[in-house]
Amino acid sequence: MVSQETKISLAFVLAGVVLWYLTSITVENDLWAWIVLVGVGVLAPTVINERRG
């Protein structure tokens, strides 16, 4: 059985990758794309899982 934390992390990682791609093709500065990827794909699920826990 997959834990709720894993489901949350996976959903945010997938959203982060999609948003990273969209940001990278629409914004000239790659730094913003990486900020979106790390913010949505790593930081957001970590914060959510820590607050739930």
PDB file of N, CA and C in Angstrom:
ATOM      1  N   MET A   1       0.848  -1.175   0.000  1.00  0.00           N
ATOM      2  CA  MET A   1       0.000   0.000   0.000  1.00  0.00           C
ATOM      3  C   MET A   1       0.895   1.241   0.000  1.00  0.00           C
ATOM      4  N   VAL A   2       0.505   2.218  -0.772  1.00  0.00           N
ATOM      5  CA  VAL A   2       1.271   3.454  -0.886  1.00  0.00           C
ATOM      6  C   VAL A   2       0.784   4.431   0.172  1.00  0.00           C
ATOM      7  N   SER A   3       1.720   5.028   0.904  1.00  0.00           N
ATOM      8  CA  SER A   3       1.338   5.944   1.974  1.00  0.00           C
ATOM      9  C   SER A   3       0.819   7.261   1.404  1.00  0.00           C
ATOM     10  N   GLN A   4       0.091   7.978   2.239  1.00  0.00           N
ATOM     11  CA  GLN A   4      -0.466   9.270   1.840  1.00  0.00           C
ATOM     12  C   GLN A   4       0.653  10.274   1.542  1.00  0.00           C
ATOM     13  N   GLU A   5       1.742  10.222   2.293  1.00  0.00           N
ATOM     14  CA  GLU A   5       2.878  11.117   2.062  1.00  0.00           C
ATOM     15  C   GLU A   5       3.491  10.879   0.681  1.00  0.00           C
ATOM     16  N   THR A   6       3.590   9.627   0.285  1.00  0.00           N
ATOM     17  CA  THR A   6       4.141   9.300  -1.029  1.00  0.00           C
ATOM     18  C   THR A   6       3.231   9.797  -2.136  1.00  0.00           C
ATOM     19  N   LYS A   7       1.924   9.668  -1.964  1.00  0.00           N
ATOM     20  CA  LYS A   7       0.972  10.152  -2.964  1.00  0.00           C
ATOM     21  C   LYS A   7       1.060  11.667  -3.118  1.00  0.00           C
ATOM     22  N   ILE A   8       1.172  12.369  -2.008  1.00  0.00           N
ATOM     23  CA  ILE A   8       1.295  13.825  -2.046  1.00  0.00           C
ATOM     24  C   ILE A   8       2.590  14.217  -2.750  1.00  0.00           C
ATOM     25  N   SER A   9       3.677  13.573  -2.384  1.00  0.00           N
ATOM     26  CA  SER A   9       4.972  13.889  -2.996  1.00  0.00           C
ATOM     27  C   SER A   9       4.959  13.620  -4.492  1.00  0.00           C
ATOM     28  N   LEU A  10       4.411  12.502  -4.892  1.00  0.00           N
ATOM     29  CA  LEU A  10       4.361  12.148  -6.313  1.00  0.00           C
ATOM     30  C   LEU A  10       3.525  13.159  -7.101  1.00  0.00           C
ATOM     31  N   ALA A  11       2.388  13.554  -6.551  1.00  0.00           N
ATOM     32  CA  ALA A  11       1.539  14.530  -7.230  1.00  0.00           C
ATOM     33  C   ALA A  11       2.265  15.863  -7.418  1.00  0.00           C
ATOM     34  N   PHE A  12       2.970  16.311  -6.387  1.00  0.00           N
ATOM     35  CA  PHE A  12       3.690  17.576  -6.490  1.00  0.00           C
ATOM     36  C   PHE A  12       4.907  17.473  -7.400  1.00  0.00           C
ATOM     37  N   VAL A  13       5.559  16.336  -7.414  1.00  0.00           N
ATOM     38  CA  VAL A  13       6.690  16.151  -8.327  1.00  0.00           C
ATOM     39  C   VAL A  13       6.206  16.213  -9.776  1.00  0.00           C
ATOM     40  N   LEU A  14       5.117  15.543 -10.073  1.00  0.00           N
ATOM     41  CA  LEU A  14       4.572  15.588 -11.433  1.00  0.00           C
ATOM     42  C   LEU A  14       4.127  17.001 -11.805  1.00  0.00           C
ATOM     43  N   ALA A  15       3.456  17.684 -10.885  1.00  0.00           N
ATOM     44  CA  ALA A  15       3.050  19.067 -11.135  1.00  0.00           C
ATOM     45  C   ALA A  15       4.268  19.960 -11.316  1.00  0.00           C
ATOM     46  N   GLY A  16       5.293  19.729 -10.518  1.00  0.00           N
ATOM     47  CA  GLY A  16       6.517  20.513 -10.630  1.00  0.00           C
ATOM     48  C   GLY A  16       7.190  20.349 -11.979  1.00  0.00           C
ATOM     49  N   VAL A  17       7.235  19.138 -12.480  1.00  0.00           N
ATOM     50  CA  VAL A  17       7.858  18.891 -13.780  1.00  0.00           C
ATOM     51  C   VAL A  17       7.060  19.564 -14.895  1.00  0.00           C
ATOM     52  N   VAL A  18       5.745  19.453 -14.839  1.00  0.00           N
ATOM     53  CA  VAL A  18       4.906  20.099 -15.857  1.00  0.00           C
ATOM     54  C   VAL A  18       5.074  21.615 -15.795  1.00  0.00           C
ATOM     55  N   LEU A  19       5.021  22.187 -14.603  1.00  0.00           N
ATOM     56  CA  LEU A  19       5.186  23.630 -14.460  1.00  0.00           C
ATOM     57  C   LEU A  19       6.592  24.079 -14.833  1.00  0.00           C
ATOM     58  N   TRP A  20       7.595  23.266 -14.523  1.00  0.00           N
ATOM     59  CA  TRP A  20       8.966  23.573 -14.922  1.00  0.00           C
ATOM     60  C   TRP A  20       9.072  23.661 -16.442  1.00  0.00           C
ATOM     61  N   TYR A  21       8.481  22.696 -17.126  1.00  0.00           N
ATOM     62  CA  TYR A  21       8.522  22.696 -18.591  1.00  0.00           C
ATOM     63  C   TYR A  21       7.808  23.916 -19.159  1.00  0.00           C
ATOM     64  N   LEU A  22       6.619  24.190 -18.654  1.00  0.00           N
ATOM     65  CA  LEU A  22       5.877  25.346 -19.142  1.00  0.00           C
ATOM     66  C   LEU A  22       6.618  26.650 -18.861  1.00  0.00           C
ATOM     67  N   THR A  23       7.219  26.753 -17.712  1.00  0.00           N
ATOM     68  CA  THR A  23       7.983  27.957 -17.376  1.00  0.00           C
ATOM     69  C   THR A  23       9.220  28.075 -18.260  1.00  0.00           C
ATOM     70  N   SER A  24       9.874  26.971 -18.515  1.00  0.00           N
ATOM     71  CA  SER A  24      11.105  27.025 -19.313  1.00  0.00           C
ATOM     72  C   SER A  24      10.842  27.431 -20.758  1.00  0.00           C
ATOM     73  N   ILE A  25       9.655  27.135 -21.284  1.00  0.00           N
ATOM     74  CA  ILE A  25       9.379  27.522 -22.663  1.00  0.00           C
ATOM     75  C   ILE A  25       8.740  28.905 -22.769  1.00  0.00           C
ATOM     76  N   THR A  26       8.279  29.462 -21.649  1.00  0.00           N
ATOM     77  CA  THR A  26       7.628  30.773 -21.707  1.00  0.00           C
ATOM     78  C   THR A  26       8.478  31.897 -21.142  1.00  0.00           C
ATOM     79  N   VAL A  27       9.439  31.594 -20.287  1.00  0.00           N
ATOM     80  CA  VAL A  27      10.261  32.618 -19.648  1.00  0.00           C
ATOM     81  C   VAL A  27      11.689  32.493 -20.171  1.00  0.00           C
ATOM     82  N   GLU A  28      12.299  33.614 -20.458  1.00  0.00           N
ATOM     83  CA  GLU A  28      13.660  33.612 -20.986  1.00  0.00           C
ATOM     84  C   GLU A  28      14.700  33.172 -19.953  1.00  0.00           C
ATOM     85  N   ASN A  29      14.455  33.460 -18.693  1.00  0.00           N
ATOM     86  CA  ASN A  29      15.425  33.189 -17.644  1.00  0.00           C
ATOM     87  C   ASN A  29      15.201  31.778 -17.084  1.00  0.00           C
ATOM     88  N   ASP A  30      16.194  30.907 -17.229  1.00  0.00           N
ATOM     89  CA  ASP A  30      16.085  29.525 -16.737  1.00  0.00           C
ATOM     90  C   ASP A  30      16.047  29.447 -15.219  1.00  0.00           C
ATOM     91  N   LEU A  31      16.526  30.471 -14.550  1.00  0.00           N
ATOM     92  CA  LEU A  31      16.504  30.469 -13.088  1.00  0.00           C
ATOM     93  C   LEU A  31      15.076  30.341 -12.570  1.00  0.00           C
ATOM     94  N   TRP A  32      14.130  31.026 -13.196  1.00  0.00           N
ATOM     95  CA  TRP A  32      12.732  30.943 -12.762  1.00  0.00           C
ATOM     96  C   TRP A  32      12.171  29.535 -12.930  1.00  0.00           C
ATOM     97  N   ALA A  33      12.556  28.869 -14.000  1.00  0.00           N
ATOM     98  CA  ALA A  33      12.092  27.499 -14.220  1.00  0.00           C
ATOM     99  C   ALA A  33      12.605  26.578 -13.115  1.00  0.00           C
ATOM    100  N   TRP A  34      13.860  26.754 -12.716  1.00  0.00           N
ATOM    101  CA  TRP A  34      14.420  25.923 -11.647  1.00  0.00           C
ATOM    102  C   TRP A  34      13.801  26.253 -10.300  1.00  0.00           C
ATOM    103  N   ILE A  35      13.497  27.524 -10.071  1.00  0.00           N
ATOM    104  CA  ILE A  35      12.828  27.910  -8.830  1.00  0.00           C
ATOM    105  C   ILE A  35      11.454  27.254  -8.745  1.00  0.00           C
ATOM    106  N   VAL A  36      10.734  27.245  -9.862  1.00  0.00           N
ATOM    107  CA  VAL A  36       9.422  26.597  -9.894  1.00  0.00           C
ATOM    108  C   VAL A  36       9.562  25.101  -9.650  1.00  0.00           C
ATOM    109  N   LEU A  37      10.514  24.465 -10.290  1.00  0.00           N
ATOM    110  CA  LEU A  37      10.716  23.021 -10.129  1.00  0.00           C
ATOM    111  C   LEU A  37      11.020  22.651  -8.687  1.00  0.00           C
ATOM    112  N   VAL A  38      11.954  23.346  -8.082  1.00  0.00           N
ATOM    113  CA  VAL A  38      12.335  23.033  -6.700  1.00  0.00           C
ATOM    114  C   VAL A  38      11.224  23.433  -5.728  1.00  0.00           C
ATOM    115  N   GLY A  39      10.614  24.582  -5.958  1.00  0.00           N
ATOM    116  CA  GLY A  39       9.551  25.049  -5.059  1.00  0.00           C
ATOM    117  C   GLY A  39       8.340  24.142  -5.055  1.00  0.00           C
ATOM    118  N   VAL A  40       7.881  23.774  -6.241  1.00  0.00           N
ATOM    119  CA  VAL A  40       6.676  22.942  -6.339  1.00  0.00           C
ATOM    120  C   VAL A  40       7.001  21.467  -6.143  1.00  0.00           C
ATOM    121  N   GLY A  41       8.098  21.005  -6.709  1.00  0.00           N
ATOM    122  CA  GLY A  41       8.412  19.579  -6.676  1.00  0.00           C
ATOM    123  C   GLY A  41       9.070  19.084  -5.414  1.00  0.00           C
ATOM    124  N   VAL A  42       9.720  19.986  -4.659  1.00  0.00           N
ATOM    125  CA  VAL A  42      10.448  19.551  -3.461  1.00  0.00           C
ATOM    126  C   VAL A  42       9.921  20.240  -2.205  1.00  0.00           C
ATOM    127  N   LEU A  43       9.949  21.554  -2.215  1.00  0.00           N
ATOM    128  CA  LEU A  43       9.608  22.288  -0.992  1.00  0.00           C
ATOM    129  C   LEU A  43       8.130  22.162  -0.603  1.00  0.00           C
ATOM    130  N   ALA A  44       7.232  22.312  -1.554  1.00  0.00           N
ATOM    131  CA  ALA A  44       5.802  22.261  -1.236  1.00  0.00           C
ATOM    132  C   ALA A  44       5.378  20.919  -0.611  1.00  0.00           C
ATOM    133  N   PRO A  45       5.721  19.777  -1.215  1.00  0.00           N
ATOM    134  CA  PRO A  45       5.301  18.525  -0.577  1.00  0.00           C
ATOM    135  C   PRO A  45       5.979  18.288   0.771  1.00  0.00           C
ATOM    136  N   THR A  46       7.212  18.755   0.914  1.00  0.00           N
ATOM    137  CA  THR A  46       7.901  18.603   2.193  1.00  0.00           C
ATOM    138  C   THR A  46       7.177  19.377   3.286  1.00  0.00           C
ATOM    139  N   VAL A  47       6.821  20.613   2.997  1.00  0.00           N
ATOM    140  CA  VAL A  47       6.104  21.437   3.979  1.00  0.00           C
ATOM    141  C   VAL A  47       4.742  20.838   4.302  1.00  0.00           C
ATOM    142  N   ILE A  48       4.020  20.417   3.288  1.00  0.00           N
ATOM    143  CA  ILE A  48       2.685  19.824   3.503  1.00  0.00           C
ATOM    144  C   ILE A  48       2.787  18.555   4.347  1.00  0.00           C
ATOM    145  N   ASN A  49       3.717  17.681   4.011  1.00  0.00           N
ATOM    146  CA  ASN A  49       3.859  16.426   4.749  1.00  0.00           C
ATOM    147  C   ASN A  49       4.312  16.663   6.192  1.00  0.00           C
ATOM    148  N   GLU A  50       5.159  17.651   6.405  1.00  0.00           N
ATOM    149  CA  GLU A  50       5.595  17.964   7.777  1.00  0.00           C
ATOM    150  C   GLU A  50       4.449  18.533   8.612  1.00  0.00           C
ATOM    151  N   ARG A  51       3.619  19.349   8.011  1.00  0.00           N
ATOM    152  CA  ARG A  51       2.497  19.942   8.767  1.00  0.00           C
ATOM    153  C   ARG A  51       1.398  18.923   9.034  1.00  0.00           C
ATOM    154  N   ARG A  52       1.245  17.939   8.160  1.00  0.00           N
ATOM    155  CA  ARG A  52       0.242  16.904   8.369  1.00  0.00           C
ATOM    156  C   ARG A  52       0.659  15.948   9.490  1.00  0.00           C
ATOM    157  N   GLY A  53       1.955  15.782   9.617  1.00  0.00           N
ATOM    158  CA  GLY A  53       2.514  14.748  10.416  1.00  0.00           C
ATOM    159  C   GLY A  53       2.526  14.819  11.861  1.00  0.00           C
TER     160      GLY A  53
END
